[in-house]
Amino acid sequence: MPVGFKFTDEDTKYPADKDGKVLFDAVDHVEMWREMEKAVDLGLAKSIGLSNFNQKQIQHVLDSCRIKPAVLQVLKSCHCGSTSCLSIEAFAAKRWCKTGAY
């Protein structure tokens, strides 16, 4: 589940409670994706994609999306020839898109 910071006001980047604990706000992937689809509909974006999602998170979006992700961006380092990295790339390729690494 992606997380963001709880909105307090436009000037607060990292909201915290009285003890200094950061306040997070959970966001459902599908809810977030539908908002991004609206950006495409309004002509504000040509394509939309995912970044650093696992297979379960990707499937959750695919099961409910109207516009499929154009790309899955993944972190790839010199030691990331691991099975999990390769399986995510294969998973994405079978279902809809290419992966891009950063």
N, C-alpha and C. Protein backbone atom coordinates (compact mmCIF):
# COMPACT_ATOMS: atom_id res chain seq x y z
N MET A 1 0.85 -1.17 0.00
CA MET A 1 0.00 0.00 0.00
C MET A 1 0.90 1.24 0.00
N PRO A 2 0.70 2.15 -0.95
CA PRO A 2 1.52 3.37 -0.93
C PRO A 2 1.11 4.23 0.25
N VAL A 3 2.01 5.00 0.70
CA VAL A 3 1.70 5.93 1.78
C VAL A 3 2.13 7.32 1.38
N GLY A 4 1.42 8.26 1.91
CA GLY A 4 1.77 9.66 1.72
C GLY A 4 1.67 10.34 3.07
N PHE A 5 2.02 11.58 3.08
CA PHE A 5 1.89 12.33 4.32
C PHE A 5 0.46 12.85 4.45
N LYS A 6 -0.03 12.87 5.67
CA LYS A 6 -1.37 13.39 5.93
C LYS A 6 -1.37 14.89 5.63
N PHE A 7 -2.36 15.34 4.88
CA PHE A 7 -2.44 16.75 4.53
C PHE A 7 -2.88 17.56 5.74
N THR A 8 -2.14 18.62 6.01
CA THR A 8 -2.54 19.55 7.07
C THR A 8 -2.78 20.93 6.47
N ASP A 9 -1.81 21.43 5.70
CA ASP A 9 -1.96 22.69 4.99
C ASP A 9 -0.92 22.75 3.89
N GLU A 10 -1.01 23.74 3.03
CA GLU A 10 -0.12 23.86 1.86
C GLU A 10 1.35 24.05 2.24
N ASP A 11 1.62 24.60 3.40
CA ASP A 11 3.00 24.92 3.79
C ASP A 11 3.72 23.81 4.54
N THR A 12 2.98 22.81 5.01
CA THR A 12 3.58 21.75 5.82
C THR A 12 3.98 20.57 4.95
N LYS A 13 5.30 20.35 4.83
CA LYS A 13 5.78 19.23 4.02
C LYS A 13 5.75 17.91 4.77
N TYR A 14 6.11 17.93 6.04
CA TYR A 14 6.19 16.71 6.84
C TYR A 14 5.36 16.88 8.11
N PRO A 15 4.05 16.61 8.02
CA PRO A 15 3.19 16.81 9.19
C PRO A 15 3.55 15.85 10.32
N ALA A 16 3.47 16.35 11.52
CA ALA A 16 3.81 15.54 12.69
C ALA A 16 2.83 15.84 13.82
N ASP A 17 2.70 14.87 14.73
CA ASP A 17 1.85 15.09 15.89
C ASP A 17 2.64 15.86 16.95
N LYS A 18 2.04 16.07 18.11
CA LYS A 18 2.69 16.88 19.16
C LYS A 18 3.99 16.26 19.67
N ASP A 19 4.17 14.95 19.46
CA ASP A 19 5.39 14.28 19.89
C ASP A 19 6.44 14.21 18.79
N GLY A 20 6.15 14.81 17.64
CA GLY A 20 7.10 14.81 16.54
C GLY A 20 7.01 13.59 15.63
N LYS A 21 6.04 12.72 15.88
CA LYS A 21 5.87 11.52 15.05
C LYS A 21 5.21 11.93 13.72
N VAL A 22 5.82 11.51 12.62
CA VAL A 22 5.31 11.87 11.29
C VAL A 22 3.93 11.25 11.09
N LEU A 23 3.03 12.04 10.51
CA LEU A 23 1.67 11.57 10.24
C LEU A 23 1.55 11.11 8.80
N PHE A 24 1.30 9.82 8.63
CA PHE A 24 1.13 9.24 7.30
C PHE A 24 -0.34 9.05 7.00
N ASP A 25 -0.65 8.95 5.72
CA ASP A 25 -2.02 8.71 5.27
C ASP A 25 -1.97 7.64 4.19
N ALA A 26 -2.62 6.51 4.40
CA ALA A 26 -2.60 5.41 3.43
C ALA A 26 -3.51 5.73 2.25
N VAL A 27 -3.10 5.33 1.07
CA VAL A 27 -3.86 5.57 -0.15
C VAL A 27 -3.99 4.24 -0.90
N ASP A 28 -5.19 3.94 -1.34
CA ASP A 28 -5.41 2.73 -2.10
C ASP A 28 -4.87 2.92 -3.52
N HIS A 29 -4.18 1.91 -4.05
CA HIS A 29 -3.61 2.01 -5.40
C HIS A 29 -4.65 2.33 -6.46
N VAL A 30 -5.80 1.70 -6.37
CA VAL A 30 -6.84 1.89 -7.39
C VAL A 30 -7.40 3.31 -7.31
N GLU A 31 -7.61 3.81 -6.12
CA GLU A 31 -8.10 5.18 -5.96
C GLU A 31 -7.10 6.17 -6.58
N MET A 32 -5.83 5.95 -6.31
CA MET A 32 -4.78 6.80 -6.86
C MET A 32 -4.74 6.67 -8.39
N TRP A 33 -4.85 5.46 -8.90
CA TRP A 33 -4.79 5.22 -10.34
C TRP A 33 -5.95 5.91 -11.06
N ARG A 34 -7.14 5.84 -10.48
CA ARG A 34 -8.30 6.49 -11.11
C ARG A 34 -8.10 8.00 -11.24
N GLU A 35 -7.45 8.59 -10.26
CA GLU A 35 -7.15 10.03 -10.34
C GLU A 35 -6.15 10.30 -11.46
N MET A 36 -5.19 9.41 -11.64
CA MET A 36 -4.22 9.57 -12.72
C MET A 36 -4.89 9.37 -14.08
N GLU A 37 -5.86 8.47 -14.17
CA GLU A 37 -6.62 8.29 -15.41
C GLU A 37 -7.37 9.58 -15.77
N LYS A 38 -7.86 10.28 -14.75
CA LYS A 38 -8.54 11.57 -14.99
C LYS A 38 -7.58 12.58 -15.61
N ALA A 39 -6.32 12.55 -15.17
CA ALA A 39 -5.31 13.46 -15.74
C ALA A 39 -5.12 13.17 -17.22
N VAL A 40 -5.15 11.90 -17.61
CA VAL A 40 -5.05 11.53 -19.03
C VAL A 40 -6.29 12.04 -19.77
N ASP A 41 -7.45 11.82 -19.20
CA ASP A 41 -8.70 12.26 -19.83
C ASP A 41 -8.73 13.77 -20.06
N LEU A 42 -8.14 14.52 -19.15
CA LEU A 42 -8.11 15.98 -19.26
C LEU A 42 -6.98 16.49 -20.14
N GLY A 43 -6.16 15.57 -20.65
CA GLY A 43 -5.05 15.96 -21.50
C GLY A 43 -3.84 16.47 -20.73
N LEU A 44 -3.81 16.23 -19.43
CA LEU A 44 -2.69 16.68 -18.60
C LEU A 44 -1.52 15.71 -18.62
N ALA A 45 -1.77 14.49 -19.08
CA ALA A 45 -0.72 13.47 -19.20
C ALA A 45 -1.03 12.63 -20.44
N LYS A 46 0.03 12.21 -21.13
CA LYS A 46 -0.16 11.36 -22.31
C LYS A 46 -0.21 9.89 -21.91
N SER A 47 0.57 9.53 -20.92
CA SER A 47 0.58 8.16 -20.44
C SER A 47 0.91 8.17 -18.96
N ILE A 48 0.56 7.09 -18.29
CA ILE A 48 0.81 6.95 -16.86
C ILE A 48 1.40 5.58 -16.59
N GLY A 49 2.16 5.47 -15.52
CA GLY A 49 2.81 4.20 -15.21
C GLY A 49 2.95 3.98 -13.72
N LEU A 50 3.60 2.90 -13.39
CA LEU A 50 3.82 2.51 -11.99
C LEU A 50 5.31 2.56 -11.68
N SER A 51 5.62 2.67 -10.41
CA SER A 51 7.02 2.66 -9.99
C SER A 51 7.17 1.87 -8.71
N ASN A 52 8.07 0.89 -8.75
CA ASN A 52 8.43 0.09 -7.57
C ASN A 52 7.24 -0.63 -6.93
N PHE A 53 6.33 -1.13 -7.75
CA PHE A 53 5.21 -1.92 -7.25
C PHE A 53 5.61 -3.39 -7.27
N ASN A 54 5.07 -4.17 -6.33
CA ASN A 54 5.29 -5.61 -6.37
C ASN A 54 4.16 -6.25 -7.20
N GLN A 55 4.22 -7.55 -7.40
CA GLN A 55 3.25 -8.23 -8.25
C GLN A 55 1.82 -8.07 -7.75
N LYS A 56 1.63 -8.17 -6.47
CA LYS A 56 0.28 -8.05 -5.89
C LYS A 56 -0.27 -6.64 -6.12
N GLN A 57 0.57 -5.63 -5.95
CA GLN A 57 0.14 -4.25 -6.15
C GLN A 57 -0.16 -3.99 -7.62
N ILE A 58 0.66 -4.52 -8.52
CA ILE A 58 0.44 -4.36 -9.96
C ILE A 58 -0.89 -5.00 -10.35
N GLN A 59 -1.12 -6.21 -9.90
CA GLN A 59 -2.36 -6.92 -10.25
C GLN A 59 -3.58 -6.18 -9.72
N HIS A 60 -3.47 -5.60 -8.54
CA HIS A 60 -4.57 -4.83 -7.94
C HIS A 60 -4.98 -3.68 -8.87
N VAL A 61 -4.00 -2.99 -9.43
CA VAL A 61 -4.28 -1.90 -10.36
C VAL A 61 -4.85 -2.46 -11.67
N LEU A 62 -4.23 -3.50 -12.21
CA LEU A 62 -4.68 -4.06 -13.49
C LEU A 62 -6.12 -4.58 -13.42
N ASP A 63 -6.52 -5.11 -12.28
CA ASP A 63 -7.87 -5.65 -12.13
C ASP A 63 -8.93 -4.56 -12.19
N SER A 64 -8.56 -3.32 -11.95
CA SER A 64 -9.55 -2.24 -11.86
C SER A 64 -9.32 -1.09 -12.82
N CYS A 65 -8.24 -1.11 -13.57
CA CYS A 65 -7.92 0.07 -14.37
C CYS A 65 -8.69 0.12 -15.68
N ARG A 66 -8.86 1.33 -16.16
CA ARG A 66 -9.44 1.59 -17.48
C ARG A 66 -8.31 1.82 -18.48
N ILE A 67 -7.24 2.47 -18.02
CA ILE A 67 -6.05 2.72 -18.82
C ILE A 67 -4.92 1.91 -18.21
N LYS A 68 -4.36 1.01 -19.01
CA LYS A 68 -3.27 0.18 -18.49
C LYS A 68 -2.00 1.02 -18.32
N PRO A 69 -1.16 0.67 -17.33
CA PRO A 69 0.10 1.38 -17.16
C PRO A 69 0.98 1.25 -18.41
N ALA A 70 1.63 2.33 -18.77
CA ALA A 70 2.50 2.33 -19.95
C ALA A 70 3.85 1.70 -19.64
N VAL A 71 4.27 1.83 -18.40
CA VAL A 71 5.60 1.32 -18.02
C VAL A 71 5.62 1.03 -16.52
N LEU A 72 6.47 0.12 -16.14
CA LEU A 72 6.75 -0.15 -14.73
C LEU A 72 8.19 0.27 -14.50
N GLN A 73 8.38 1.31 -13.72
CA GLN A 73 9.73 1.77 -13.40
C GLN A 73 10.22 1.01 -12.16
N VAL A 74 11.43 0.47 -12.25
CA VAL A 74 11.99 -0.29 -11.13
C VAL A 74 13.40 0.16 -10.83
N LEU A 75 13.77 0.05 -9.58
CA LEU A 75 15.15 0.33 -9.16
C LEU A 75 15.99 -0.86 -9.57
N LYS A 76 17.05 -0.61 -10.27
CA LYS A 76 17.91 -1.70 -10.71
C LYS A 76 19.35 -1.31 -10.42
N SER A 77 19.98 -2.07 -9.58
CA SER A 77 21.38 -1.81 -9.27
C SER A 77 22.23 -2.97 -9.77
N CYS A 78 23.53 -2.83 -9.64
CA CYS A 78 24.42 -3.86 -10.19
C CYS A 78 24.22 -5.21 -9.52
N HIS A 79 23.67 -5.23 -8.31
CA HIS A 79 23.46 -6.52 -7.64
C HIS A 79 21.99 -6.96 -7.71
N CYS A 80 21.22 -6.33 -8.60
CA CYS A 80 19.80 -6.64 -8.66
C CYS A 80 19.46 -7.64 -9.75
N GLY A 81 20.29 -8.63 -9.91
CA GLY A 81 19.95 -9.72 -10.81
C GLY A 81 19.18 -10.77 -10.05
N SER A 82 18.61 -10.37 -8.94
CA SER A 82 17.93 -11.32 -8.07
C SER A 82 16.67 -11.85 -8.73
N THR A 83 16.20 -12.94 -8.21
CA THR A 83 14.99 -13.58 -8.72
C THR A 83 13.81 -12.64 -8.64
N SER A 84 13.70 -11.85 -7.55
CA SER A 84 12.54 -10.97 -7.41
C SER A 84 12.53 -9.90 -8.49
N CYS A 85 13.68 -9.32 -8.81
CA CYS A 85 13.75 -8.30 -9.87
C CYS A 85 13.36 -8.90 -11.21
N LEU A 86 13.91 -10.05 -11.52
CA LEU A 86 13.64 -10.69 -12.80
C LEU A 86 12.19 -11.14 -12.90
N SER A 87 11.61 -11.60 -11.80
CA SER A 87 10.22 -12.06 -11.85
C SER A 87 9.26 -10.89 -12.03
N ILE A 88 9.55 -9.73 -11.47
CA ILE A 88 8.71 -8.55 -11.66
C ILE A 88 8.74 -8.14 -13.13
N GLU A 89 9.92 -8.14 -13.73
CA GLU A 89 10.04 -7.77 -15.15
C GLU A 89 9.25 -8.75 -16.03
N ALA A 90 9.35 -10.04 -15.75
CA ALA A 90 8.62 -11.05 -16.52
C ALA A 90 7.12 -10.89 -16.30
N PHE A 91 6.72 -10.64 -15.08
CA PHE A 91 5.31 -10.44 -14.74
C PHE A 91 4.74 -9.27 -15.54
N ALA A 92 5.44 -8.15 -15.57
CA ALA A 92 4.98 -6.96 -16.30
C ALA A 92 4.94 -7.24 -17.80
N ALA A 93 5.96 -7.88 -18.32
CA ALA A 93 6.03 -8.15 -19.76
C ALA A 93 4.88 -9.04 -20.22
N LYS A 94 4.50 -10.02 -19.42
CA LYS A 94 3.41 -10.93 -19.78
C LYS A 94 2.07 -10.22 -19.80
N ARG A 95 1.91 -9.23 -18.96
CA ARG A 95 0.60 -8.63 -18.78
C ARG A 95 0.35 -7.38 -19.60
N TRP A 96 1.38 -6.55 -19.79
CA TRP A 96 1.04 -5.34 -20.51
C TRP A 96 2.18 -4.47 -20.95
N CYS A 97 3.28 -4.42 -20.28
CA CYS A 97 4.19 -3.33 -20.60
C CYS A 97 5.65 -3.67 -20.42
N LYS A 98 6.44 -2.70 -20.75
CA LYS A 98 7.88 -2.79 -20.58
C LYS A 98 8.27 -2.26 -19.21
N THR A 99 9.46 -2.60 -18.80
CA THR A 99 9.98 -2.03 -17.57
C THR A 99 11.08 -1.04 -17.92
N GLY A 100 11.21 -0.07 -17.06
CA GLY A 100 12.29 0.91 -17.19
C GLY A 100 13.02 0.93 -15.86
N ALA A 101 14.32 1.04 -15.91
CA ALA A 101 15.11 1.02 -14.67
C ALA A 101 15.72 2.38 -14.41
N TYR A 102 15.93 2.65 -13.14
CA TYR A 102 16.64 3.86 -12.73
C TYR A 102 17.70 3.49 -11.74
